[in-house]
Amino acid sequence: MRLSVDDAHEFAFRAARKAGASEQVATSLARATVSAEERGKNPVGFKHLLDYLDGLARGRIDGRAQPEVRFPTDASIQVDARGGIAQAGFDSAFEQLVSRTTLHGVCVFAQSNGYTAGELGYYTTRLAEEGLVAIAGTNSHAIMGTVESRQPVYGTNPLSFAAPMTNGASFVLDQACSATAFVNVRQAAANGEPIPEDWALDKSGEPTTNADDAVEGTLLPFGGWRGANIALMIEILAAGLTGGNWSLDAPSFAVGTESPAVGLFVVALAPVTGFAARLQSHLERLKGYGMRIPGTRSRVDEVEISDALAAKIREVTD
């Protein structure tokens, strides 16, 4: 079915409320879900909403959590998500994050004790839409390792960067440190499709093209140790500096009753006057060299949800 952005938001909001979320949590979750769909990030849109609804029903997410927001310094914000969704904590501090960045030129947002952050680009994009440059990182329970480790030690630990442009869109980079995002492996398993050999190991630590075995095994980083090193850097920021769980200590976001209690780390920067125009011009120049420029897609006006997915969402909340 095809829904307007407002109707899609209402659909996600009602589903979250039925699953036990407070109005505040449901609003934040619906906004993030629809934002992902608007920008073509379907795997972390309504498909990922199912994970949140299941988490709310089984207790991995506290649907009534009230984030605790503190300001240790003029240019830093600390949030304890208290077992709730990461988006609610970010929303609680968003206005202060923007105003403090505008005033001081930079502001750091550090959140602990949250559920999986969902689409990481959601956080940086919102800041770019306010005219700011943003960098974000997050971790999850351990699902990624290396050929040498043969077992999970890190999350996929994505990194996102966003900056404003002059045409109404934002430049957004959002990628995992794994060779592919976990949701892509899970989707391949659901479709009965094989995966490339360099994506994952099975439970025995052997390379596999079987997506079902990969879901139960270990995802691999892009670029071998180089990708693993970036994952470690992000984990030090997202878990070490925030006080969130290290990936090795985090319960799964997909099963059980405990919150992963992981971290989200965001740095916002106020650019100099004329930055957006300079960036726009430079990106156009790079395209002339044949470069693929990621993340400049504008938002769409409608959201399309398959009847099967809509039925699953209704089934979870009925």
Protein backbone atom coordinates (compact mmCIF):
# COMPACT_ATOMS: atom_id res chain seq x y z
CA MET A 1 0.00 0.00 0.00
CA ARG A 2 1.08 3.57 -0.67
CA LEU A 3 0.74 6.07 2.17
CA SER A 4 1.37 9.76 2.51
CA VAL A 5 4.17 10.66 4.92
CA ASP A 6 1.59 11.73 7.51
CA ASP A 7 -0.42 8.52 7.15
CA ALA A 8 2.74 6.41 7.35
CA HIS A 9 3.71 8.22 10.54
CA GLU A 10 0.27 7.55 12.01
CA PHE A 11 0.48 3.86 11.07
CA ALA A 12 3.86 3.47 12.80
CA PHE A 13 2.73 5.55 15.79
CA ARG A 14 -0.39 3.44 16.37
CA ALA A 15 1.59 0.22 16.05
CA ALA A 16 4.09 1.39 18.66
CA ARG A 17 1.35 2.50 21.02
CA LYS A 18 -0.38 -0.87 20.73
CA ALA A 19 2.92 -2.57 21.52
CA GLY A 20 3.17 -0.64 24.79
CA ALA A 21 5.09 2.53 23.92
CA SER A 22 4.29 5.84 25.58
CA GLU A 23 3.18 8.71 23.38
CA GLN A 24 6.68 10.21 23.50
CA VAL A 25 8.39 6.94 22.56
CA ALA A 26 5.85 6.15 19.84
CA THR A 27 6.30 9.61 18.33
CA SER A 28 10.09 9.27 18.22
CA LEU A 29 9.96 5.75 16.81
CA ALA A 30 7.41 6.67 14.13
CA ARG A 31 9.45 9.68 13.07
CA ALA A 32 12.63 7.63 12.68
CA THR A 33 10.81 4.82 10.87
CA VAL A 34 9.22 7.11 8.30
CA SER A 35 12.41 9.13 7.89
CA ALA A 36 14.26 5.96 6.82
CA GLU A 37 11.51 5.13 4.32
CA GLU A 38 11.47 8.68 2.93
CA ARG A 39 15.13 8.44 2.03
CA GLY A 40 15.00 4.93 0.58
CA LYS A 41 16.46 3.12 3.61
CA ASN A 42 13.75 0.46 3.61
CA PRO A 43 15.65 -2.24 5.59
CA VAL A 44 15.76 0.10 8.60
CA GLY A 45 12.29 1.54 8.04
CA PHE A 46 9.08 -0.43 8.53
CA LYS A 47 10.95 -3.74 8.25
CA HIS A 48 13.06 -2.75 11.25
CA LEU A 49 9.97 -1.47 13.07
CA LEU A 50 9.11 -5.14 13.60
CA ASP A 51 12.23 -5.48 15.79
CA TYR A 52 11.11 -2.53 17.90
CA LEU A 53 7.58 -3.85 18.27
CA ASP A 54 8.89 -7.25 19.33
CA GLY A 55 11.35 -5.57 21.70
CA LEU A 56 8.53 -3.56 23.28
CA ALA A 57 6.37 -6.66 23.68
CA ARG A 58 9.14 -8.80 25.20
CA GLY A 59 10.75 -6.19 27.44
CA ARG A 60 13.99 -5.51 25.56
CA ILE A 61 12.70 -1.96 25.23
CA ASP A 62 11.15 -0.01 28.09
CA GLY A 63 8.31 1.68 26.24
CA ARG A 64 7.72 4.07 29.16
CA ALA A 65 11.33 5.10 29.72
CA GLN A 66 11.96 8.77 30.42
CA PRO A 67 15.46 9.70 29.20
CA GLU A 68 17.65 11.51 31.72
CA VAL A 69 19.39 14.50 30.12
CA ARG A 70 22.39 16.21 31.75
CA PHE A 71 24.75 18.99 30.67
CA PRO A 72 28.24 18.33 32.11
CA THR A 73 29.69 21.30 30.19
CA ASP A 74 28.33 24.05 27.96
CA ALA A 75 29.28 22.04 24.87
CA SER A 76 28.36 18.52 25.93
CA ILE A 77 25.17 16.59 26.59
CA GLN A 78 24.91 13.24 28.38
CA VAL A 79 21.77 11.14 28.15
CA ASP A 80 20.79 7.94 29.92
CA ALA A 81 18.16 6.28 27.71
CA ARG A 82 17.14 4.10 30.68
CA GLY A 83 16.48 1.06 28.54
CA GLY A 84 14.35 2.93 26.02
CA ILE A 85 14.89 3.64 22.35
CA ALA A 86 17.87 5.71 21.27
CA GLN A 87 15.69 8.06 19.23
CA ALA A 88 13.69 9.23 22.26
CA GLY A 89 16.85 10.25 24.12
CA PHE A 90 18.15 12.07 21.06
CA ASP A 91 14.82 13.86 20.58
CA SER A 92 14.83 14.94 24.23
CA ALA A 93 18.15 16.70 23.76
CA PHE A 94 17.84 17.76 20.12
CA GLU A 95 16.93 21.43 20.59
CA GLN A 96 19.72 21.89 23.12
CA LEU A 97 22.16 20.09 20.83
CA VAL A 98 21.36 22.48 17.99
CA SER A 99 21.40 25.64 20.10
CA ARG A 100 24.61 24.76 21.94
CA THR A 101 26.37 23.85 18.70
CA THR A 102 25.27 27.14 17.13
CA LEU A 103 26.49 29.07 20.16
CA HIS A 104 29.78 27.29 20.81
CA GLY A 105 30.63 25.96 17.36
CA VAL A 106 30.65 22.35 18.56
CA CYS A 107 28.67 20.13 20.90
CA VAL A 108 29.05 16.46 21.87
CA PHE A 109 26.06 14.20 22.51
CA ALA A 110 26.78 10.99 24.43
CA GLN A 111 24.00 8.51 25.22
CA SER A 112 24.13 5.21 27.11
CA ASN A 113 21.68 2.41 27.96
CA GLY A 114 19.73 2.48 24.73
CA TYR A 115 18.26 -0.02 22.31
CA THR A 116 19.80 -0.31 18.85
CA ALA A 117 20.01 3.12 17.19
CA GLY A 118 18.25 2.01 13.99
CA GLU A 119 19.20 4.08 10.96
CA LEU A 120 22.26 5.99 12.11
CA GLY A 121 21.89 8.52 9.32
CA TYR A 122 18.64 9.64 10.97
CA TYR A 123 20.61 11.48 13.65
CA THR A 124 23.16 13.17 11.41
CA THR A 125 20.58 14.07 8.77
CA ARG A 126 18.41 15.90 11.27
CA LEU A 127 21.39 17.99 12.30
CA ALA A 128 22.34 18.68 8.67
CA GLU A 129 18.81 19.89 8.04
CA GLU A 130 19.49 22.47 10.77
CA GLY A 131 22.56 23.66 8.88
CA LEU A 132 25.09 21.72 10.96
CA VAL A 133 27.76 19.16 10.13
CA ALA A 134 27.49 15.95 12.17
CA ILE A 135 29.39 12.74 12.81
CA ALA A 136 27.81 9.79 14.66
CA GLY A 137 28.74 6.28 15.72
CA THR A 138 26.99 3.50 17.60
CA ASN A 139 27.54 -0.09 18.65
CA SER A 140 25.35 -3.14 19.16
CA HIS A 141 25.67 -6.62 20.61
CA ALA A 142 28.60 -8.57 19.17
CA ILE A 143 27.78 -9.92 15.71
CA MET A 144 30.98 -9.09 13.79
CA GLY A 145 34.48 -10.50 14.02
CA THR A 146 37.34 -11.34 11.67
CA VAL A 147 38.63 -14.43 9.90
CA GLU A 148 41.26 -14.62 12.65
CA SER A 149 38.88 -14.26 15.61
CA ARG A 150 36.32 -16.69 14.05
CA GLN A 151 33.67 -15.34 16.46
CA PRO A 152 31.80 -12.08 17.07
CA VAL A 153 33.54 -9.41 19.14
CA TYR A 154 32.11 -6.12 17.82
CA GLY A 155 28.78 -4.85 16.60
CA THR A 156 28.55 -3.76 12.97
CA ASN A 157 29.35 -0.36 14.54
CA PRO A 158 28.13 1.98 11.80
CA LEU A 159 29.49 5.46 11.18
CA SER A 160 27.48 8.33 9.73
CA PHE A 161 28.48 11.77 8.48
CA ALA A 162 26.11 14.45 7.21
CA ALA A 163 26.47 18.02 5.97
CA PRO A 164 24.06 20.63 4.58
CA MET A 165 23.89 21.55 0.90
CA THR A 166 22.18 24.44 -0.88
CA ASN A 167 19.61 22.46 -2.87
CA GLY A 168 17.50 21.36 0.11
CA ALA A 169 19.09 17.93 0.33
CA SER A 170 21.87 16.84 2.65
CA PHE A 171 25.04 14.92 1.95
CA VAL A 172 24.74 11.80 4.11
CA LEU A 173 27.21 8.97 4.53
CA ASP A 174 25.90 6.03 6.56
CA GLN A 175 27.69 2.70 6.50
CA ALA A 176 28.47 -0.21 8.75
CA CYS A 177 31.97 -1.48 9.46
CA SER A 178 30.80 -4.93 8.37
CA ALA A 179 30.98 -5.94 4.72
CA THR A 180 27.21 -5.44 4.71
CA ALA A 181 24.59 -4.47 7.27
CA PHE A 182 23.05 -7.25 9.36
CA VAL A 183 19.58 -6.41 8.04
CA ASN A 184 20.76 -7.27 4.51
CA VAL A 185 21.96 -10.70 5.62
CA ARG A 186 18.70 -11.31 7.45
CA GLN A 187 16.72 -10.23 4.39
CA ALA A 188 18.70 -12.64 2.20
CA ALA A 189 17.91 -15.42 4.66
CA ALA A 190 14.21 -14.57 4.57
CA ASN A 191 14.28 -14.64 0.76
CA GLY A 192 16.30 -17.85 0.60
CA GLU A 193 19.08 -16.08 -1.30
CA PRO A 194 22.83 -16.77 -1.10
CA ILE A 195 25.29 -14.11 0.07
CA PRO A 196 28.85 -13.33 -1.12
CA GLU A 197 31.55 -15.44 0.51
CA ASP A 198 33.30 -12.45 2.10
CA TRP A 199 30.24 -11.32 4.06
CA ALA A 200 30.18 -13.79 6.93
CA LEU A 201 31.36 -16.94 8.72
CA ASP A 202 29.14 -19.76 9.96
CA LYS A 203 28.99 -20.86 13.59
CA SER A 204 32.11 -22.94 13.09
CA GLY A 205 34.06 -19.91 11.89
CA GLU A 206 34.14 -20.98 8.25
CA PRO A 207 33.26 -18.73 5.29
CA THR A 208 29.69 -19.25 4.12
CA THR A 209 27.36 -18.20 1.34
CA ASN A 210 24.33 -19.51 3.24
CA ALA A 211 22.48 -16.54 4.71
CA ASP A 212 20.79 -18.65 7.42
CA ASP A 213 24.21 -19.81 8.63
CA ALA A 214 25.46 -16.23 8.49
CA VAL A 215 22.63 -14.99 10.71
CA GLU A 216 23.72 -17.54 13.33
CA GLY A 217 27.41 -16.94 12.72
CA THR A 218 29.75 -13.96 12.43
CA LEU A 219 29.64 -11.01 10.06
CA LEU A 220 32.97 -9.92 8.57
CA PRO A 221 34.31 -6.35 8.40
CA PHE A 222 34.98 -4.60 5.13
CA GLY A 223 38.69 -4.46 4.34
CA GLY A 224 39.70 -7.07 6.89
CA TRP A 225 41.62 -5.59 9.83
CA ARG A 226 41.17 -2.05 8.50
CA GLY A 227 37.40 -2.30 8.90
CA ALA A 228 37.83 -4.00 12.28
CA ASN A 229 40.06 -1.15 13.47
CA ILE A 230 37.40 1.41 12.52
CA ALA A 231 34.81 -0.68 14.37
CA LEU A 232 37.00 -0.60 17.47
CA MET A 233 37.43 3.17 17.19
CA ILE A 234 33.66 3.64 16.96
CA GLU A 235 33.10 1.32 19.90
CA ILE A 236 35.52 3.31 22.03
CA LEU A 237 33.50 6.44 21.24
CA ALA A 238 30.00 4.91 21.36
CA ALA A 239 30.47 2.58 24.32
CA GLY A 240 33.66 3.71 26.05
CA LEU A 241 32.95 7.45 26.26
CA THR A 242 29.19 7.15 26.78
CA GLY A 243 29.23 4.39 29.40
CA GLY A 244 27.15 2.05 27.24
CA ASN A 245 27.75 -1.67 27.09
CA TRP A 246 30.72 -2.95 25.12
CA SER A 247 29.42 -5.12 22.29
CA LEU A 248 30.80 -8.25 23.96
CA ASP A 249 28.69 -7.48 27.04
CA ALA A 250 25.49 -6.36 25.30
CA PRO A 251 22.45 -8.65 25.18
CA SER A 252 20.96 -9.25 21.74
CA PHE A 253 18.57 -6.67 20.29
CA ALA A 254 16.62 -9.49 18.62
CA VAL A 255 16.00 -12.08 21.36
CA GLY A 256 15.58 -12.25 25.12
CA THR A 257 14.16 -9.75 27.56
CA GLU A 258 17.17 -7.52 28.35
CA SER A 259 18.06 -4.21 26.75
CA PRO A 260 21.34 -4.16 24.79
CA ALA A 261 22.05 -0.93 26.74
CA VAL A 262 24.50 0.26 24.08
CA GLY A 263 25.74 3.75 23.29
CA LEU A 264 25.27 6.50 20.72
CA PHE A 265 27.91 9.18 20.17
CA VAL A 266 27.31 12.31 18.07
CA VAL A 267 29.48 15.35 17.41
CA ALA A 268 27.77 18.40 15.87
CA LEU A 269 29.74 21.25 14.26
CA ALA A 270 28.66 24.69 13.11
CA PRO A 271 30.18 25.38 9.66
CA VAL A 272 31.46 28.74 8.48
CA THR A 273 29.29 30.96 6.27
CA GLY A 274 29.21 29.74 2.68
CA PHE A 275 30.05 26.13 3.53
CA ALA A 276 26.88 24.63 2.02
CA ALA A 277 27.47 26.34 -1.33
CA ARG A 278 31.14 25.26 -1.40
CA LEU A 279 30.17 21.66 -0.63
CA GLN A 280 27.45 21.66 -3.28
CA SER A 281 29.89 22.94 -5.89
CA HIS A 282 32.60 20.46 -4.97
CA LEU A 283 30.27 17.45 -5.04
CA GLU A 284 29.08 18.46 -8.51
CA ARG A 285 32.72 18.69 -9.61
CA LEU A 286 33.43 15.20 -8.25
CA LYS A 287 30.49 13.80 -10.19
CA GLY A 288 32.15 15.17 -13.30
CA TYR A 289 35.08 12.88 -12.55
CA GLY A 290 32.75 9.91 -12.51
CA MET A 291 32.70 9.58 -8.73
CA ARG A 292 29.72 7.99 -7.02
CA ILE A 293 28.54 10.46 -4.38
CA PRO A 294 26.54 8.72 -1.62
CA GLY A 295 23.63 9.99 0.34
CA THR A 296 22.42 13.02 -1.63
CA ARG A 297 18.96 11.57 -2.28
CA SER A 298 16.06 13.92 -1.50
CA ARG A 299 13.06 12.81 0.52
CA VAL A 300 10.06 11.24 -1.21
CA ASP A 301 6.44 12.28 -0.80
CA GLU A 302 4.93 8.82 -0.33
CA VAL A 303 5.88 5.65 1.53
CA GLU A 304 5.23 2.21 0.05
CA ILE A 305 4.67 -0.74 2.38
CA SER A 306 4.04 -4.23 1.08
CA ASP A 307 0.76 -5.81 2.11
CA ALA A 308 2.70 -8.70 3.69
CA LEU A 309 4.79 -6.34 5.84
CA ALA A 310 1.74 -4.31 6.87
CA ALA A 311 0.00 -7.55 7.86
CA LYS A 312 3.01 -8.60 9.99
CA ILE A 313 3.00 -5.25 11.79
CA ARG A 314 -0.72 -5.56 12.51
CA GLU A 315 -0.26 -9.17 13.63
CA VAL A 316 2.42 -8.21 16.15
CA THR A 317 0.20 -5.56 17.74
CA ASP A 318 -3.16 -7.39 17.65
